[in-house]
Amino acid sequence: MLEVIFLSVVGGVFSLAGGALLLIKKKTADGMAIYATPFAAGVMLAAAFTDLLPEAIKESSDTNNVLVMTLYGFLGFFVLERLVRWFNHRNGHPSAKKGAMNSLVMIGDTLHNGLDGVAIAVSLLISPQIGIVTTIAVAAHEIPQEIGDFGIMLKNGMSRPRVLLFNFFSALATVFTAVVTYSLGNNSWFPGPSLLAITAGFFIYISASDLIPEIHEKIEGNRWDIRPLLLLLGVLFIIIFMVVTKA
């Protein structure tokens, strides 16, 4: 339990780090998001395909079920994101709707952090190594995500102290869901392999749909674009970590 609390707190801290940096120095935060995004995409893809899915298959007696659960995880997050986009489009961008948009961002961010906590706890139930790999993946993608969320709320008129306070409480959702999931994990009916597979689908969707497309966007200036290399570096980082920790 101490391990799951520690790792979920680490995930929660990183959910605040990027946004807090945006409050202090916007230019630095924007630059960090550009290069943190491809690294996070590589980390999440590697965690899903080289760690979570193999372990889910190994722990389950039904490989087909694992693959179906992965698909459900992918589609579930797709539906959630479509609902967010639909709400945003339906309400438009007038100032009268900014409060509703901020509320939507808050709900979505809290739900996202809660799913991160479930992912960390389920992975840790299988082994400490998988728990650490999942936490690294969660932490890596939280930096660019929170920079974006902080930016939306600031743009919609929310004060900096309120943005920081909300995100602090939102980050606690990671710890709460991690503790609850870990507590339930000792029960015989707990669907550990299925939740691992859903987590893999969740990671694959975020990396393929939200993070990787940003690598194709042109960056300003004549700087050499190292983002594709950073994606590969993220993959390599997880592979090396797994080899070293298994040795």
Protein backbone atom coordinates (compact mmCIF):
# COMPACT_ATOMS: atom_id res chain seq x y z
CA MET A 1 0.00 0.00 0.00
CA LEU A 2 2.88 2.40 0.74
CA GLU A 3 4.29 1.70 -2.71
CA VAL A 4 0.97 2.43 -4.46
CA ILE A 5 0.54 5.65 -2.47
CA PHE A 6 4.09 6.75 -3.31
CA LEU A 7 3.80 5.97 -7.03
CA SER A 8 0.36 7.57 -7.34
CA VAL A 9 1.66 10.68 -5.58
CA VAL A 10 4.52 10.78 -8.11
CA GLY A 11 1.97 10.61 -10.92
CA GLY A 12 -0.07 13.36 -9.28
CA VAL A 13 2.95 15.61 -8.76
CA PHE A 14 3.81 15.43 -12.45
CA SER A 15 0.21 16.32 -13.27
CA LEU A 16 0.88 19.62 -11.49
CA ALA A 17 4.46 20.23 -12.60
CA GLY A 18 3.79 21.19 -16.21
CA GLY A 19 0.85 23.42 -15.36
CA ALA A 20 2.68 25.10 -12.50
CA LEU A 21 5.55 25.87 -14.86
CA LEU A 22 3.04 27.49 -17.24
CA LEU A 23 1.93 29.78 -14.42
CA ILE A 24 5.54 30.77 -13.71
CA LYS A 25 6.98 31.01 -17.23
CA LYS A 26 4.70 30.42 -20.21
CA LYS A 27 7.42 30.42 -22.88
CA THR A 28 9.44 27.77 -21.06
CA ALA A 29 6.33 25.63 -20.50
CA ASP A 30 5.31 25.84 -24.15
CA GLY A 31 8.82 24.82 -25.23
CA MET A 32 8.81 21.92 -22.78
CA ALA A 33 5.44 20.70 -24.07
CA ILE A 34 6.77 20.60 -27.65
CA TYR A 35 9.54 18.17 -26.72
CA ALA A 36 7.86 16.33 -23.82
CA THR A 37 4.97 15.26 -26.06
CA PRO A 38 6.89 12.94 -28.44
CA PHE A 39 8.89 11.44 -25.57
CA ALA A 40 5.64 10.74 -23.71
CA ALA A 41 4.16 9.14 -26.84
CA GLY A 42 7.13 6.78 -27.12
CA VAL A 43 7.00 5.89 -23.43
CA MET A 44 3.27 5.11 -23.54
CA LEU A 45 3.52 3.00 -26.70
CA ALA A 46 6.43 1.01 -25.29
CA ALA A 47 4.69 0.55 -21.94
CA ALA A 48 1.54 -0.73 -23.68
CA PHE A 49 3.14 -3.12 -26.19
CA THR A 50 6.21 -4.37 -24.34
CA ASP A 51 4.91 -4.45 -20.77
CA LEU A 52 1.17 -4.14 -20.12
CA LEU A 53 -0.14 -6.33 -22.94
CA PRO A 54 2.40 -9.15 -22.50
CA GLU A 55 1.69 -9.22 -18.76
CA ALA A 56 -2.07 -9.17 -19.29
CA ILE A 57 -1.79 -12.12 -21.69
CA LYS A 58 0.51 -13.94 -19.29
CA GLU A 59 -1.88 -13.43 -16.35
CA SER A 60 -4.99 -14.35 -18.34
CA SER A 61 -6.11 -17.71 -19.65
CA ASP A 62 -7.97 -16.02 -22.51
CA THR A 63 -5.79 -14.07 -24.96
CA ASN A 64 -8.80 -13.06 -27.05
CA ASN A 65 -10.40 -11.43 -24.01
CA VAL A 66 -7.23 -9.42 -23.39
CA LEU A 67 -7.25 -8.12 -26.96
CA VAL A 68 -10.96 -7.29 -26.79
CA MET A 69 -10.45 -5.41 -23.51
CA THR A 70 -7.62 -3.46 -25.15
CA LEU A 71 -10.02 -2.48 -27.92
CA TYR A 72 -12.61 -1.44 -25.32
CA GLY A 73 -10.02 0.73 -23.58
CA PHE A 74 -9.10 2.38 -26.88
CA LEU A 75 -12.73 2.97 -27.91
CA GLY A 76 -13.79 4.06 -24.43
CA PHE A 77 -11.33 6.91 -24.38
CA PHE A 78 -12.26 7.79 -27.97
CA VAL A 79 -15.93 8.12 -26.95
CA LEU A 80 -14.98 10.22 -23.92
CA GLU A 81 -12.92 12.59 -26.06
CA ARG A 82 -15.69 12.84 -28.67
CA LEU A 83 -18.15 13.84 -25.95
CA VAL A 84 -15.79 16.57 -24.80
CA ARG A 85 -15.35 17.86 -28.36
CA TRP A 86 -19.11 17.69 -29.01
CA PHE A 87 -19.84 19.70 -25.86
CA ASN A 88 -17.24 22.28 -26.83
CA HIS A 89 -18.63 22.61 -30.37
CA ARG A 90 -22.25 22.76 -29.18
CA ASN A 91 -21.56 25.54 -26.71
CA GLY A 92 -19.29 27.57 -28.98
CA HIS A 93 -16.79 30.07 -27.63
CA PRO A 94 -18.74 33.11 -26.34
CA SER A 95 -17.58 34.47 -23.01
CA ALA A 96 -20.85 33.32 -21.41
CA LYS A 97 -19.83 29.74 -22.13
CA LYS A 98 -16.32 29.96 -20.71
CA GLY A 99 -17.43 28.82 -17.27
CA ALA A 100 -19.04 25.72 -18.76
CA MET A 101 -15.87 24.94 -20.72
CA ASN A 102 -13.73 25.29 -17.60
CA SER A 103 -16.07 22.94 -15.75
CA LEU A 104 -15.77 20.42 -18.57
CA VAL A 105 -11.98 20.62 -18.47
CA MET A 106 -12.09 20.08 -14.70
CA ILE A 107 -14.33 17.02 -14.98
CA GLY A 108 -12.28 15.55 -17.82
CA ASP A 109 -8.98 16.15 -16.05
CA THR A 110 -10.23 14.62 -12.79
CA LEU A 111 -11.55 11.56 -14.63
CA HIS A 112 -8.27 11.25 -16.52
CA ASN A 113 -6.27 11.44 -13.28
CA GLY A 114 -8.56 8.83 -11.75
CA LEU A 115 -7.88 6.45 -14.64
CA ASP A 116 -4.15 7.05 -14.14
CA GLY A 117 -4.50 5.94 -10.53
CA VAL A 118 -6.32 2.75 -11.56
CA ALA A 119 -3.59 2.02 -14.11
CA ILE A 120 -0.80 2.47 -11.55
CA ALA A 121 -2.51 0.28 -8.93
CA VAL A 122 -3.42 -2.54 -11.33
CA SER A 123 0.13 -2.60 -12.68
CA LEU A 124 1.61 -2.65 -9.19
CA LEU A 125 -0.63 -5.60 -8.27
CA ILE A 126 1.14 -7.61 -10.98
CA SER A 127 4.69 -6.55 -10.07
CA PRO A 128 6.66 -3.53 -8.79
CA GLN A 129 8.49 -3.26 -12.12
CA ILE A 130 5.26 -2.96 -14.11
CA GLY A 131 3.97 -0.44 -11.57
CA ILE A 132 7.06 1.72 -12.04
CA VAL A 133 6.87 1.51 -15.86
CA THR A 134 3.20 2.55 -15.77
CA THR A 135 3.99 5.42 -13.40
CA ILE A 136 6.72 6.64 -15.77
CA ALA A 137 4.22 6.55 -18.66
CA VAL A 138 1.61 8.41 -16.61
CA ALA A 139 4.10 11.04 -15.46
CA ALA A 140 5.49 11.56 -18.97
CA HIS A 141 2.15 12.30 -20.60
CA GLU A 142 0.83 14.39 -17.71
CA ILE A 143 3.32 17.22 -18.36
CA PRO A 144 2.09 18.24 -21.84
CA GLN A 145 -1.53 17.44 -20.94
CA GLU A 146 -1.58 19.67 -17.87
CA ILE A 147 0.15 22.51 -19.70
CA GLY A 148 -2.74 22.36 -22.18
CA ASP A 149 -5.43 22.18 -19.49
CA PHE A 150 -3.92 25.02 -17.47
CA GLY A 151 -3.73 27.11 -20.64
CA ILE A 152 -7.42 26.56 -21.48
CA MET A 153 -8.61 27.56 -18.01
CA LEU A 154 -6.39 30.64 -17.89
CA LYS A 155 -7.60 31.67 -21.35
CA ASN A 156 -11.20 31.30 -20.20
CA GLY A 157 -10.68 33.75 -17.36
CA MET A 158 -9.95 31.54 -14.35
CA SER A 159 -7.49 33.11 -11.92
CA ARG A 160 -4.07 31.53 -11.44
CA PRO A 161 -4.61 30.62 -7.76
CA ARG A 162 -7.93 28.92 -8.61
CA VAL A 163 -6.37 27.01 -11.51
CA LEU A 164 -3.56 25.76 -9.28
CA LEU A 165 -5.93 24.88 -6.42
CA PHE A 166 -8.29 22.94 -8.67
CA ASN A 167 -5.49 20.98 -10.25
CA PHE A 168 -4.10 20.13 -6.82
CA PHE A 169 -7.42 18.54 -5.82
CA SER A 170 -7.77 16.94 -9.25
CA ALA A 171 -4.35 15.32 -8.83
CA LEU A 172 -5.61 13.72 -5.60
CA ALA A 173 -7.97 11.63 -7.75
CA THR A 174 -4.90 9.65 -8.86
CA VAL A 175 -4.08 8.74 -5.26
CA PHE A 176 -7.70 7.99 -4.32
CA THR A 177 -8.45 5.64 -7.22
CA ALA A 178 -5.04 3.97 -6.85
CA VAL A 179 -5.67 3.18 -3.18
CA VAL A 180 -9.22 1.94 -3.81
CA THR A 181 -8.14 -0.23 -6.76
CA TYR A 182 -5.20 -1.68 -4.87
CA SER A 183 -7.45 -2.47 -1.88
CA LEU A 184 -9.86 -4.36 -4.12
CA GLY A 185 -7.06 -6.19 -5.91
CA ASN A 186 -6.80 -8.96 -3.31
CA ASN A 187 -10.29 -10.24 -4.13
CA SER A 188 -10.55 -13.34 -6.31
CA TRP A 189 -13.07 -11.67 -8.62
CA PHE A 190 -10.80 -8.70 -9.34
CA PRO A 191 -10.30 -8.50 -13.16
CA GLY A 192 -6.59 -7.67 -13.11
CA PRO A 193 -5.66 -8.84 -16.64
CA SER A 194 -8.70 -7.11 -18.15
CA LEU A 195 -7.85 -3.82 -16.43
CA LEU A 196 -4.25 -4.12 -17.60
CA ALA A 197 -5.51 -4.58 -21.15
CA ILE A 198 -7.89 -1.61 -20.84
CA THR A 199 -4.96 0.47 -19.56
CA ALA A 200 -2.93 -0.59 -22.60
CA GLY A 201 -5.77 0.52 -24.88
CA PHE A 202 -5.96 3.81 -22.98
CA PHE A 203 -2.21 4.37 -23.46
CA ILE A 204 -2.31 3.43 -27.15
CA TYR A 205 -5.18 5.84 -27.81
CA ILE A 206 -3.55 8.78 -26.04
CA SER A 207 -0.22 8.27 -27.78
CA ALA A 208 -1.61 7.56 -31.26
CA SER A 209 -4.49 10.06 -31.28
CA ASP A 210 -3.43 12.94 -29.04
CA LEU A 211 0.37 12.95 -28.86
CA ILE A 212 1.79 11.62 -32.14
CA PRO A 213 -0.25 13.98 -34.41
CA GLU A 214 1.45 16.92 -32.69
CA ILE A 215 4.82 15.63 -33.89
CA HIS A 216 3.68 16.26 -37.46
CA GLU A 217 2.84 19.88 -36.74
CA LYS A 218 5.45 22.36 -37.93
CA ILE A 219 7.47 24.11 -35.22
CA GLU A 220 8.37 27.78 -35.51
CA GLY A 221 11.77 28.90 -36.69
CA ASN A 222 14.44 26.94 -38.48
CA ARG A 223 15.29 24.60 -35.62
CA TRP A 224 16.13 21.01 -36.46
CA ASP A 225 13.11 18.92 -35.58
CA ILE A 226 14.26 16.27 -33.13
CA ARG A 227 10.76 15.22 -32.09
CA PRO A 228 10.74 11.94 -34.07
CA LEU A 229 13.99 11.00 -32.33
CA LEU A 230 12.46 11.86 -28.96
CA LEU A 231 9.61 9.44 -29.66
CA LEU A 232 12.13 6.69 -30.37
CA LEU A 233 14.06 7.72 -27.27
CA GLY A 234 10.90 7.26 -25.19
CA VAL A 235 10.49 3.73 -26.55
CA LEU A 236 14.16 2.94 -25.96
CA PHE A 237 14.01 4.33 -22.43
CA ILE A 238 11.26 1.90 -21.41
CA ILE A 239 12.94 -1.08 -23.09
CA ILE A 240 16.28 -0.35 -21.39
CA PHE A 241 14.53 0.18 -18.05
CA MET A 242 12.78 -3.19 -18.31
CA VAL A 243 16.00 -5.00 -19.28
CA VAL A 244 17.96 -3.43 -16.42
CA THR A 245 15.30 -4.08 -13.78
CA LYS A 246 14.85 -7.68 -14.88
CA ALA A 247 18.60 -8.36 -14.79
